Amino acid sequence: YMQENNITFVVASTCNPGLFQDPAVQRVCFVVFLPVYLATVVGNGLIILMVSISKSLDSPMYFFLSYLSLVEISYSSTVAPKFITDLLAKIKTISLEGCLAQIFFFHFFGVAEILLIVVMAYDRYVAICKPLHYMNIMSRQLCHLLVAGSWLGGFCHSIIQILVIIQLPFCGPNVIDHYFCDLQPLFKLACTDTFMEGVIVLANSGLFSVFSFLILVSSYIVILVNLRNHSAEGRHKALSTCASHITVVILFFGPAIFLYMRPSSTFTEDKLVAVFYTVITPMLNPIIYTLRNAEVKIAIRRLWSKKENPGRE
């Protein structure tokens, strides 16, 4: 077996991996995906800025949204920068240490996002089903605890993933059939049977995603049933907010369940789905939340007007 500290993995072609080896096509992909990543950072960063300075967004929902935006930036940044720079590189390599770090932070921020989305659904449940007790239940202390719990859950999940990987022997050829390091592509490079490791990943990633999705679906069903007791205006406002959350849930959980609840494969569609949820989805979330949220749009206009007229109060 090769010594672990000497292992360097070669990453497969990144732009629609396995389809396009043409450098000219990869340069086109660079021009496409670099603005997407920059839009992810700017869009989510704008939400964090608005929530931190706008008094009209001083509520638990926007507190969680700001942390979700922070997670989106971090989640995309674990994969997108190397993915984009590799498009211009002739030889795409990553060390074992770099690969483990990418796996750790990719799953850390991914699970933290899942838990934050669950927390946001709970926040909407309390706001709609128990409006009179909302501020007492969703206290600042509880909000901080829920966010801390999301980070802790992501950390525990990632530690398990790393413990699964570090005990595997790799003896070459160390060519990853993917554009970033993840568990299933590394299992194919191991010089041992990885059935049990695959079962652990199925439970730790796939089943976790499915259970979280079922909890979210159940909570939104309860919310929709309770909306029958609200006025037409109240129903419209609640549905508008919930529609944004449900859209994000589908965009995030659909690809995750698709990839981690199936046997590993080298199908090109798996890699295309991975491009979607690692690069595209983090850019879409700020668009989804701002387009359907009047309060956020008002906060953006106020922020812009202050920039245009800095002397005005």
C-alpha atoms as a PDB file:
ATOM      1  CA  TYR A   1       0.000   0.000   0.000  1.00  0.00           C
ATOM      2  CA  MET A   2       1.120   3.551  -0.668  1.00  0.00           C
ATOM      3  CA  GLN A   3       1.942   5.700   2.341  1.00  0.00           C
ATOM      4  CA  GLU A   4      -0.984   8.046   2.924  1.00  0.00           C
ATOM      5  CA  ASN A   5       1.125  11.188   3.195  1.00  0.00           C
ATOM      6  CA  ASN A   6       2.507  10.560  -0.310  1.00  0.00           C
ATOM      7  CA  ILE A   7      -0.844  10.133  -2.018  1.00  0.00           C
ATOM      8  CA  THR A   8      -1.891  12.654  -4.629  1.00  0.00           C
ATOM      9  CA  PHE A   9      -5.214  12.208  -6.366  1.00  0.00           C
ATOM     10  CA  VAL A  10      -5.760  13.185  -9.982  1.00  0.00           C
ATOM     11  CA  VAL A  11      -9.168  14.780 -10.511  1.00  0.00           C
ATOM     12  CA  ALA A  12     -11.107  13.898 -13.648  1.00  0.00           C
ATOM     13  CA  SER A  13     -12.209  16.456 -16.229  1.00  0.00           C
ATOM     14  CA  THR A  14     -14.415  19.021 -14.528  1.00  0.00           C
ATOM     15  CA  CYS A  15     -16.727  20.619 -17.077  1.00  0.00           C
ATOM     16  CA  ASN A  16     -19.480  18.033 -17.466  1.00  0.00           C
ATOM     17  CA  PRO A  17     -16.899  15.438 -16.304  1.00  0.00           C
ATOM     18  CA  GLY A  18     -16.409  12.548 -18.673  1.00  0.00           C
ATOM     19  CA  LEU A  19     -17.959  14.413 -21.598  1.00  0.00           C
ATOM     20  CA  PHE A  20     -15.721  17.352 -22.472  1.00  0.00           C
ATOM     21  CA  GLN A  21     -11.953  17.027 -22.585  1.00  0.00           C
ATOM     22  CA  ASP A  22     -11.580  19.916 -25.030  1.00  0.00           C
ATOM     23  CA  PRO A  23      -9.644  22.794 -23.362  1.00  0.00           C
ATOM     24  CA  ALA A  24     -11.665  25.338 -25.359  1.00  0.00           C
ATOM     25  CA  VAL A  25     -14.914  23.970 -23.916  1.00  0.00           C
ATOM     26  CA  GLN A  26     -13.449  24.063 -20.409  1.00  0.00           C
ATOM     27  CA  ARG A  27     -12.496  27.718 -20.897  1.00  0.00           C
ATOM     28  CA  VAL A  28     -16.104  28.434 -21.838  1.00  0.00           C
ATOM     29  CA  CYS A  29     -17.199  26.671 -18.650  1.00  0.00           C
ATOM     30  CA  PHE A  30     -14.759  28.859 -16.701  1.00  0.00           C
ATOM     31  CA  VAL A  31     -16.427  31.973 -18.138  1.00  0.00           C
ATOM     32  CA  VAL A  32     -19.856  30.578 -17.189  1.00  0.00           C
ATOM     33  CA  PHE A  33     -19.180  29.300 -13.663  1.00  0.00           C
ATOM     34  CA  LEU A  34     -16.922  32.074 -12.352  1.00  0.00           C
ATOM     35  CA  PRO A  35     -19.766  34.677 -12.486  1.00  0.00           C
ATOM     36  CA  VAL A  36     -22.109  32.102 -10.912  1.00  0.00           C
ATOM     37  CA  TYR A  37     -19.781  31.663  -7.938  1.00  0.00           C
ATOM     38  CA  LEU A  38     -19.234  35.413  -7.595  1.00  0.00           C
ATOM     39  CA  ALA A  39     -23.021  35.923  -7.692  1.00  0.00           C
ATOM     40  CA  THR A  40     -23.345  33.328  -4.905  1.00  0.00           C
ATOM     41  CA  VAL A  41     -20.905  35.212  -2.682  1.00  0.00           C
ATOM     42  CA  VAL A  42     -22.342  38.660  -3.470  1.00  0.00           C
ATOM     43  CA  GLY A  43     -26.026  37.630  -3.268  1.00  0.00           C
ATOM     44  CA  ASN A  44     -25.730  35.752   0.002  1.00  0.00           C
ATOM     45  CA  GLY A  45     -23.368  38.378   1.381  1.00  0.00           C
ATOM     46  CA  LEU A  46     -25.966  41.056   0.615  1.00  0.00           C
ATOM     47  CA  ILE A  47     -28.572  39.141   2.639  1.00  0.00           C
ATOM     48  CA  ILE A  48     -26.168  38.877   5.598  1.00  0.00           C
ATOM     49  CA  LEU A  49     -25.475  42.625   5.358  1.00  0.00           C
ATOM     50  CA  MET A  50     -29.164  43.563   5.115  1.00  0.00           C
ATOM     51  CA  VAL A  51     -30.170  41.438   8.104  1.00  0.00           C
ATOM     52  CA  SER A  52     -27.329  42.858  10.213  1.00  0.00           C
ATOM     53  CA  ILE A  53     -28.131  46.545   9.536  1.00  0.00           C
ATOM     54  CA  SER A  54     -31.870  46.612   8.804  1.00  0.00           C
ATOM     55  CA  LYS A  55     -34.186  47.043  11.796  1.00  0.00           C
ATOM     56  CA  SER A  56     -37.150  45.814   9.732  1.00  0.00           C
ATOM     57  CA  LEU A  57     -35.474  42.396   9.392  1.00  0.00           C
ATOM     58  CA  ASP A  58     -34.856  41.973  13.124  1.00  0.00           C
ATOM     59  CA  SER A  59     -36.803  38.761  13.609  1.00  0.00           C
ATOM     60  CA  PRO A  60     -35.909  35.072  14.120  1.00  0.00           C
ATOM     61  CA  MET A  61     -36.783  34.189  10.508  1.00  0.00           C
ATOM     62  CA  TYR A  62     -34.215  36.616   9.095  1.00  0.00           C
ATOM     63  CA  PHE A  63     -31.713  35.706  11.807  1.00  0.00           C
ATOM     64  CA  PHE A  64     -31.828  32.123  10.516  1.00  0.00           C
ATOM     65  CA  LEU A  65     -31.804  33.329   6.907  1.00  0.00           C
ATOM     66  CA  SER A  66     -28.575  35.265   7.485  1.00  0.00           C
ATOM     67  CA  TYR A  67     -26.889  32.141   8.865  1.00  0.00           C
ATOM     68  CA  LEU A  68     -28.255  30.096   5.978  1.00  0.00           C
ATOM     69  CA  SER A  69     -26.652  32.593   3.577  1.00  0.00           C
ATOM     70  CA  LEU A  70     -23.352  32.305   5.465  1.00  0.00           C
ATOM     71  CA  VAL A  71     -23.544  28.516   5.161  1.00  0.00           C
ATOM     72  CA  GLU A  72     -24.330  28.812   1.429  1.00  0.00           C
ATOM     73  CA  ILE A  73     -21.197  30.892   0.827  1.00  0.00           C
ATOM     74  CA  SER A  74     -19.071  28.464   2.847  1.00  0.00           C
ATOM     75  CA  TYR A  75     -20.663  25.363   1.278  1.00  0.00           C
ATOM     76  CA  SER A  76     -20.099  26.558  -2.273  1.00  0.00           C
ATOM     77  CA  SER A  77     -16.568  27.722  -1.425  1.00  0.00           C
ATOM     78  CA  THR A  78     -15.497  24.214  -0.434  1.00  0.00           C
ATOM     79  CA  VAL A  79     -15.898  23.062  -4.046  1.00  0.00           C
ATOM     80  CA  ALA A  80     -16.426  25.939  -6.500  1.00  0.00           C
ATOM     81  CA  PRO A  81     -13.036  27.766  -6.322  1.00  0.00           C
ATOM     82  CA  LYS A  82     -11.015  24.619  -7.064  1.00  0.00           C
ATOM     83  CA  PHE A  83     -13.611  23.441  -9.566  1.00  0.00           C
ATOM     84  CA  ILE A  84     -13.308  26.742 -11.451  1.00  0.00           C
ATOM     85  CA  THR A  85      -9.500  27.015 -11.319  1.00  0.00           C
ATOM     86  CA  ASP A  86      -9.144  23.386 -12.450  1.00  0.00           C
ATOM     87  CA  LEU A  87     -10.974  24.330 -15.638  1.00  0.00           C
ATOM     88  CA  LEU A  88      -7.816  26.194 -16.689  1.00  0.00           C
ATOM     89  CA  ALA A  89      -5.343  23.589 -15.377  1.00  0.00           C
ATOM     90  CA  LYS A  90      -3.844  20.897 -17.594  1.00  0.00           C
ATOM     91  CA  ILE A  91      -3.294  18.496 -14.706  1.00  0.00           C
ATOM     92  CA  LYS A  92      -5.869  18.579 -11.925  1.00  0.00           C
ATOM     93  CA  THR A  93      -4.521  17.165  -8.668  1.00  0.00           C
ATOM     94  CA  ILE A  94      -5.314  17.282  -4.969  1.00  0.00           C
ATOM     95  CA  SER A  95      -3.380  15.873  -2.007  1.00  0.00           C
ATOM     96  CA  LEU A  96      -4.885  13.352   0.396  1.00  0.00           C
ATOM     97  CA  GLU A  97      -4.949  16.040   3.094  1.00  0.00           C
ATOM     98  CA  GLY A  98      -6.673  18.487   0.746  1.00  0.00           C
ATOM     99  CA  CYS A  99      -9.141  15.787  -0.275  1.00  0.00           C
ATOM    100  CA  LEU A 100     -10.012  14.984   3.348  1.00  0.00           C
ATOM    101  CA  ALA A 101     -10.413  18.686   4.135  1.00  0.00           C
ATOM    102  CA  GLN A 102     -12.751  19.115   1.174  1.00  0.00           C
ATOM    103  CA  ILE A 103     -14.863  16.136   2.254  1.00  0.00           C
ATOM    104  CA  PHE A 104     -14.999  17.355   5.851  1.00  0.00           C
ATOM    105  CA  PHE A 105     -16.096  20.921   5.090  1.00  0.00           C
ATOM    106  CA  PHE A 106     -18.385  19.909   2.215  1.00  0.00           C
ATOM    107  CA  HIS A 107     -20.376  17.607   4.503  1.00  0.00           C
ATOM    108  CA  PHE A 108     -20.046  19.926   7.505  1.00  0.00           C
ATOM    109  CA  PHE A 109     -21.686  22.858   5.737  1.00  0.00           C
ATOM    110  CA  GLY A 110     -24.103  20.590   3.846  1.00  0.00           C
ATOM    111  CA  VAL A 111     -25.559  19.069   7.023  1.00  0.00           C
ATOM    112  CA  ALA A 112     -25.498  22.434   8.804  1.00  0.00           C
ATOM    113  CA  GLU A 113     -27.634  23.747   5.926  1.00  0.00           C
ATOM    114  CA  ILE A 114     -30.070  20.831   6.229  1.00  0.00           C
ATOM    115  CA  LEU A 115     -30.470  21.434   9.958  1.00  0.00           C
ATOM    116  CA  LEU A 116     -30.888  25.186   9.447  1.00  0.00           C
ATOM    117  CA  ILE A 117     -33.636  24.542   6.897  1.00  0.00           C
ATOM    118  CA  VAL A 118     -35.359  22.275   9.460  1.00  0.00           C
ATOM    119  CA  VAL A 119     -34.980  25.038  12.074  1.00  0.00           C
ATOM    120  CA  MET A 120     -36.507  27.571   9.656  1.00  0.00           C
ATOM    121  CA  ALA A 121     -39.467  25.243   9.120  1.00  0.00           C
ATOM    122  CA  TYR A 122     -39.952  25.040  12.890  1.00  0.00           C
ATOM    123  CA  ASP A 123     -39.801  28.827  13.059  1.00  0.00           C
ATOM    124  CA  ARG A 124     -42.559  29.082  10.427  1.00  0.00           C
ATOM    125  CA  TYR A 125     -44.617  26.459  12.274  1.00  0.00           C
ATOM    126  CA  VAL A 126     -44.495  28.457  15.515  1.00  0.00           C
ATOM    127  CA  ALA A 127     -45.186  31.769  13.705  1.00  0.00           C
ATOM    128  CA  ILE A 128     -48.249  30.432  11.893  1.00  0.00           C
ATOM    129  CA  CYS A 129     -49.672  27.859  14.315  1.00  0.00           C
ATOM    130  CA  LYS A 130     -48.870  29.634  17.613  1.00  0.00           C
ATOM    131  CA  PRO A 131     -48.658  33.325  16.687  1.00  0.00           C
ATOM    132  CA  LEU A 132     -49.533  34.661  20.145  1.00  0.00           C
ATOM    133  CA  HIS A 133     -46.655  32.778  21.748  1.00  0.00           C
ATOM    134  CA  TYR A 134     -44.170  33.261  18.887  1.00  0.00           C
ATOM    135  CA  MET A 135     -41.815  35.797  20.492  1.00  0.00           C
ATOM    136  CA  ASN A 136     -41.812  33.930  23.813  1.00  0.00           C
ATOM    137  CA  ILE A 137     -41.015  30.590  22.198  1.00  0.00           C
ATOM    138  CA  MET A 138     -38.523  31.874  19.607  1.00  0.00           C
ATOM    139  CA  SER A 139     -36.424  33.814  22.098  1.00  0.00           C
ATOM    140  CA  ARG A 140     -32.983  35.097  21.135  1.00  0.00           C
ATOM    141  CA  GLN A 141     -31.403  32.488  23.391  1.00  0.00           C
ATOM    142  CA  LEU A 142     -33.284  29.639  21.683  1.00  0.00           C
ATOM    143  CA  CYS A 143     -32.388  30.997  18.236  1.00  0.00           C
ATOM    144  CA  HIS A 144     -28.689  30.989  19.110  1.00  0.00           C
ATOM    145  CA  LEU A 145     -28.968  27.479  20.531  1.00  0.00           C
ATOM    146  CA  LEU A 146     -30.687  26.201  17.383  1.00  0.00           C
ATOM    147  CA  VAL A 147     -27.981  27.705  15.155  1.00  0.00           C
ATOM    148  CA  ALA A 148     -25.241  26.273  17.398  1.00  0.00           C
ATOM    149  CA  GLY A 149     -26.989  22.890  17.234  1.00  0.00           C
ATOM    150  CA  SER A 150     -26.939  23.054  13.433  1.00  0.00           C
ATOM    151  CA  TRP A 151     -23.180  23.676  13.427  1.00  0.00           C
ATOM    152  CA  LEU A 152     -22.636  20.883  15.970  1.00  0.00           C
ATOM    153  CA  GLY A 153     -24.727  18.448  13.934  1.00  0.00           C
ATOM    154  CA  GLY A 154     -22.689  19.230  10.825  1.00  0.00           C
ATOM    155  CA  PHE A 155     -19.446  18.717  12.755  1.00  0.00           C
ATOM    156  CA  CYS A 156     -20.505  15.314  14.144  1.00  0.00           C
ATOM    157  CA  HIS A 157     -21.672  14.167  10.723  1.00  0.00           C
ATOM    158  CA  SER A 158     -18.392  15.180   9.062  1.00  0.00           C
ATOM    159  CA  ILE A 159     -16.253  13.503  11.722  1.00  0.00           C
ATOM    160  CA  ILE A 160     -18.024  10.213  10.975  1.00  0.00           C
ATOM    161  CA  GLN A 161     -17.382  10.641   7.237  1.00  0.00           C
ATOM    162  CA  ILE A 162     -13.683  11.314   7.825  1.00  0.00           C
ATOM    163  CA  LEU A 163     -13.339   8.319  10.180  1.00  0.00           C
ATOM    164  CA  VAL A 164     -14.803   6.147   7.416  1.00  0.00           C
ATOM    165  CA  ILE A 165     -12.258   7.405   4.865  1.00  0.00           C
ATOM    166  CA  ILE A 166      -8.978   7.639   6.787  1.00  0.00           C
ATOM    167  CA  GLN A 167      -8.844   3.905   7.555  1.00  0.00           C
ATOM    168  CA  LEU A 168      -9.055   2.938   3.861  1.00  0.00           C
ATOM    169  CA  PRO A 169      -5.866   1.908   2.010  1.00  0.00           C
ATOM    170  CA  PHE A 170      -5.203   3.417  -1.449  1.00  0.00           C
ATOM    171  CA  CYS A 171      -2.760   1.698  -3.784  1.00  0.00           C
ATOM    172  CA  GLY A 172      -3.469   3.377  -7.137  1.00  0.00           C
ATOM    173  CA  PRO A 173      -4.304   4.361  -9.768  1.00  0.00           C
ATOM    174  CA  ASN A 174      -5.467   7.418  -7.841  1.00  0.00           C
ATOM    175  CA  VAL A 175      -7.703   9.000 -10.464  1.00  0.00           C
ATOM    176  CA  ILE A 176     -10.946  10.347  -8.987  1.00  0.00           C
ATOM    177  CA  ASP A 177     -13.845   9.962 -11.395  1.00  0.00           C
ATOM    178  CA  HIS A 178     -15.374  13.219 -10.228  1.00  0.00           C
ATOM    179  CA  TYR A 179     -14.578  16.947 -10.173  1.00  0.00           C
ATOM    180  CA  PHE A 180     -14.245  17.085  -6.360  1.00  0.00           C
ATOM    181  CA  CYS A 181     -13.517  14.711  -3.495  1.00  0.00           C
ATOM    182  CA  ASP A 182     -16.485  12.815  -2.120  1.00  0.00           C
ATOM    183  CA  LEU A 183     -16.937   9.469  -0.438  1.00  0.00           C
ATOM    184  CA  GLN A 184     -18.270   7.283  -3.232  1.00  0.00           C
ATOM    185  CA  PRO A 185     -15.547   8.219  -5.779  1.00  0.00           C
ATOM    186  CA  LEU A 186     -12.877   7.498  -3.139  1.00  0.00           C
ATOM    187  CA  PHE A 187     -14.433   4.131  -2.285  1.00  0.00           C
ATOM    188  CA  LYS A 188     -13.714   3.038  -5.856  1.00  0.00           C
ATOM    189  CA  LEU A 189     -10.002   3.761  -5.362  1.00  0.00           C
ATOM    190  CA  ALA A 190      -9.664   1.776  -2.122  1.00  0.00           C
ATOM    191  CA  CYS A 191      -7.730  -1.527  -2.197  1.00  0.00           C
ATOM    192  CA  THR A 192     -10.315  -3.275  -0.054  1.00  0.00           C
ATOM    193  CA  ASP A 193     -14.001  -4.082   0.036  1.00  0.00           C
ATOM    194  CA  THR A 194     -16.008  -0.988   1.008  1.00  0.00           C
ATOM    195  CA  PHE A 195     -19.460  -2.521   1.457  1.00  0.00           C
ATOM    196  CA  MET A 196     -19.696  -1.719   5.165  1.00  0.00           C
ATOM    197  CA  GLU A 197     -18.345   1.802   4.591  1.00  0.00           C
ATOM    198  CA  GLY A 198     -21.036   2.253   1.938  1.00  0.00           C
ATOM    199  CA  VAL A 199     -23.720   1.192   4.424  1.00  0.00           C
ATOM    200  CA  ILE A 200     -22.413   3.722   6.969  1.00  0.00           C
ATOM    201  CA  VAL A 201     -22.504   6.489   4.347  1.00  0.00           C
ATOM    202  CA  LEU A 202     -26.015   5.441   3.313  1.00  0.00           C
ATOM    203  CA  ALA A 203     -27.170   5.815   6.920  1.00  0.00           C
ATOM    204  CA  ASN A 204     -25.147   8.943   7.691  1.00  0.00           C
ATOM    205  CA  SER A 205     -25.954  10.838   4.491  1.00  0.00           C
ATOM    206  CA  GLY A 206     -28.802   9.240   2.545  1.00  0.00           C
ATOM    207  CA  LEU A 207     -31.160   8.247   5.355  1.00  0.00           C
ATOM    208  CA  PHE A 208     -30.386  11.461   7.242  1.00  0.00           C
ATOM    209  CA  SER A 209     -31.436  13.460   4.175  1.00  0.00           C
ATOM    210  CA  VAL A 210     -34.617  11.408   3.725  1.00  0.00           C
ATOM    211  CA  PHE A 211     -35.664  11.710   7.393  1.00  0.00           C
ATOM    212  CA  SER A 212     -34.975  15.442   7.393  1.00  0.00           C
ATOM    213  CA  PHE A 213     -37.004  15.803   4.200  1.00  0.00           C
ATOM    214  CA  LEU A 214     -39.927  13.866   5.708  1.00  0.00           C
ATOM    215  CA  ILE A 215     -39.842  16.067   8.820  1.00  0.00           C
ATOM    216  CA  LEU A 216     -39.948  19.154   6.596  1.00  0.00           C
ATOM    217  CA  VAL A 217     -42.806  17.812   4.489  1.00  0.00           C
ATOM    218  CA  SER A 218     -44.786  16.926   7.629  1.00  0.00           C
ATOM    219  CA  SER A 219     -44.220  20.366   9.154  1.00  0.00           C
ATOM    220  CA  TYR A 220     -45.382  22.171   6.025  1.00  0.00           C
ATOM    221  CA  ILE A 221     -48.475  19.951   5.785  1.00  0.00           C
ATOM    222  CA  VAL A 222     -49.356  20.949   9.375  1.00  0.00           C
ATOM    223  CA  ILE A 223     -48.734  24.608   8.497  1.00  0.00           C
ATOM    224  CA  LEU A 224     -50.956  24.441   5.397  1.00  0.00           C
ATOM    225  CA  VAL A 225     -53.761  22.787   7.387  1.00  0.00           C
ATOM    226  CA  ASN A 226     -53.550  25.520  10.053  1.00  0.00           C
ATOM    227  CA  LEU A 227     -53.685  28.256   7.422  1.00  0.00           C
ATOM    228  CA  ARG A 228     -57.379  27.502   6.898  1.00  0.00           C
ATOM    229  CA  ASN A 229     -58.070  29.388  10.145  1.00  0.00           C
ATOM    230  CA  HIS A 230     -56.296  32.558   8.977  1.00  0.00           C
ATOM    231  CA  SER A 231     -57.639  35.507   7.043  1.00  0.00           C
ATOM    232  CA  ALA A 232     -57.105  35.730   3.281  1.00  0.00           C
ATOM    233  CA  GLU A 233     -54.348  38.318   3.748  1.00  0.00           C
ATOM    234  CA  GLY A 234     -52.652  36.211   6.429  1.00  0.00           C
ATOM    235  CA  ARG A 235     -52.839  33.106   4.249  1.00  0.00           C
ATOM    236  CA  HIS A 236     -51.316  34.959   1.289  1.00  0.00           C
ATOM    237  CA  LYS A 237     -48.377  36.290   3.334  1.00  0.00           C
ATOM    238  CA  ALA A 238     -47.722  32.921   4.999  1.00  0.00           C
ATOM    239  CA  LEU A 239     -47.958  31.020   1.712  1.00  0.00           C
ATOM    240  CA  SER A 240     -45.551  33.450   0.061  1.00  0.00           C
ATOM    241  CA  THR A 241     -42.954  32.873   2.787  1.00  0.00           C
ATOM    242  CA  CYS A 242     -43.506  29.114   2.901  1.00  0.00           C
ATOM    243  CA  ALA A 243     -43.285  28.857  -0.898  1.00  0.00           C
ATOM    244  CA  SER A 244     -39.732  30.221  -0.749  1.00  0.00           C
ATOM    245  CA  HIS A 245     -38.779  27.711   1.921  1.00  0.00           C
ATOM    246  CA  ILE A 246     -40.389  24.790   0.076  1.00  0.00           C
ATOM    247  CA  THR A 247     -38.594  25.733  -3.160  1.00  0.00           C
ATOM    248  CA  VAL A 248     -35.237  25.737  -1.354  1.00  0.00           C
ATOM    249  CA  VAL A 249     -36.079  22.380   0.272  1.00  0.00           C
ATOM    250  CA  ILE A 250     -36.797  20.783  -3.119  1.00  0.00           C
ATOM    251  CA  LEU A 251     -33.686  22.257  -4.753  1.00  0.00           C
ATOM    252  CA  PHE A 252     -31.439  21.048  -1.932  1.00  0.00           C
ATOM    253  CA  PHE A 253     -32.925  17.705  -0.914  1.00  0.00           C
ATOM    254  CA  GLY A 254     -33.784  16.451  -4.400  1.00  0.00           C
ATOM    255  CA  PRO A 255     -30.158  16.130  -5.563  1.00  0.00           C
ATOM    256  CA  ALA A 256     -28.911  14.964  -2.131  1.00  0.00           C
ATOM    257  CA  ILE A 257     -31.403  12.093  -1.951  1.00  0.00           C
ATOM    258  CA  PHE A 258     -30.794  11.258  -5.634  1.00  0.00           C
ATOM    259  CA  LEU A 259     -27.038  10.852  -5.066  1.00  0.00           C
ATOM    260  CA  TYR A 260     -26.796   9.311  -1.587  1.00  0.00           C
ATOM    261  CA  MET A 261     -29.751   6.905  -1.645  1.00  0.00           C
ATOM    262  CA  ARG A 262     -28.537   5.038  -4.764  1.00  0.00           C
ATOM    263  CA  PRO A 263     -25.632   2.708  -5.450  1.00  0.00           C
ATOM    264  CA  SER A 264     -22.524   4.603  -6.559  1.00  0.00           C
ATOM    265  CA  SER A 265     -22.098   4.996 -10.316  1.00  0.00           C
ATOM    266  CA  THR A 266     -20.027   6.825 -12.894  1.00  0.00           C
ATOM    267  CA  PHE A 267     -23.044   8.144 -14.752  1.00  0.00           C
ATOM    268  CA  THR A 268     -22.569  11.596 -16.204  1.00  0.00           C
ATOM    269  CA  GLU A 269     -25.947  12.674 -14.804  1.00  0.00           C
ATOM    270  CA  ASP A 270     -24.619  12.111 -11.261  1.00  0.00           C
ATOM    271  CA  LYS A 271     -21.866  14.614 -11.923  1.00  0.00           C
ATOM    272  CA  LEU A 272     -24.228  17.078 -13.539  1.00  0.00           C
ATOM    273  CA  VAL A 273     -26.529  16.861 -10.523  1.00  0.00           C
ATOM    274  CA  ALA A 274     -23.506  17.477  -8.284  1.00  0.00           C
ATOM    275  CA  VAL A 275     -22.609  20.596 -10.322  1.00  0.00           C
ATOM    276  CA  PHE A 276     -26.167  21.808  -9.808  1.00  0.00           C
ATOM    277  CA  TYR A 277     -26.244  21.492  -6.013  1.00  0.00           C
ATOM    278  CA  THR A 278     -22.658  22.604  -5.355  1.00  0.00           C
ATOM    279  CA  VAL A 279     -22.500  25.593  -7.729  1.00  0.00           C
ATOM    280  CA  ILE A 280     -25.959  26.574  -8.998  1.00  0.00           C
ATOM    281  CA  THR A 281     -28.261  26.069  -5.989  1.00  0.00           C
ATOM    282  CA  PRO A 282     -26.275  28.314  -3.577  1.00  0.00           C
ATOM    283  CA  MET A 283     -26.660  31.142  -6.106  1.00  0.00           C
ATOM    284  CA  LEU A 284     -30.420  30.599  -6.458  1.00  0.00           C
ATOM    285  CA  ASN A 285     -31.312  30.760  -2.756  1.00  0.00           C
ATOM    286  CA  PRO A 286     -30.876  34.551  -2.301  1.00  0.00           C
ATOM    287  CA  ILE A 287     -32.873  35.097  -5.507  1.00  0.00           C
ATOM    288  CA  ILE A 288     -35.684  32.846  -4.256  1.00  0.00           C
ATOM    289  CA  TYR A 289     -35.887  34.530  -0.854  1.00  0.00           C
ATOM    290  CA  THR A 290     -35.736  38.105  -2.184  1.00  0.00           C
ATOM    291  CA  LEU A 291     -38.110  37.779  -5.151  1.00  0.00           C
ATOM    292  CA  ARG A 292     -40.955  36.422  -2.998  1.00  0.00           C
ATOM    293  CA  ASN A 293     -40.347  38.496   0.127  1.00  0.00           C
ATOM    294  CA  ALA A 294     -41.643  42.065   0.290  1.00  0.00           C
ATOM    295  CA  GLU A 295     -39.735  42.900   3.485  1.00  0.00           C
ATOM    296  CA  VAL A 296     -36.399  41.889   1.977  1.00  0.00           C
ATOM    297  CA  LYS A 297     -37.104  43.868  -1.199  1.00  0.00           C
ATOM    298  CA  ILE A 298     -37.986  46.947   0.872  1.00  0.00           C
ATOM    299  CA  ALA A 299     -34.761  46.526   2.879  1.00  0.00           C
ATOM    300  CA  ILE A 300     -32.778  46.344  -0.376  1.00  0.00           C
ATOM    301  CA  ARG A 301     -34.389  49.551  -1.640  1.00  0.00           C
ATOM    302  CA  ARG A 302     -33.642  51.323   1.660  1.00  0.00           C
ATOM    303  CA  LEU A 303     -30.042  50.134   1.578  1.00  0.00           C
ATOM    304  CA  TRP A 304     -29.701  51.348  -2.010  1.00  0.00           C
ATOM    305  CA  SER A 305     -31.276  54.718  -1.230  1.00  0.00           C
ATOM    306  CA  LYS A 306     -28.848  55.235   1.660  1.00  0.00           C
ATOM    307  CA  LYS A 307     -26.011  54.509  -0.718  1.00  0.00           C
ATOM    308  CA  GLU A 308     -27.354  56.971  -3.264  1.00  0.00           C
ATOM    309  CA  ASN A 309     -28.149  59.628  -0.601  1.00  0.00           C
ATOM    310  CA  PRO A 310     -25.654  59.129   2.244  1.00  0.00           C
ATOM    311  CA  GLY A 311     -26.633  62.434   3.920  1.00  0.00           C
ATOM    312  CA  ARG A 312     -30.265  61.411   4.387  1.00  0.00           C
ATOM    313  CA  GLU A 313     -31.497  59.790   7.543  1.00  0.00           C
END
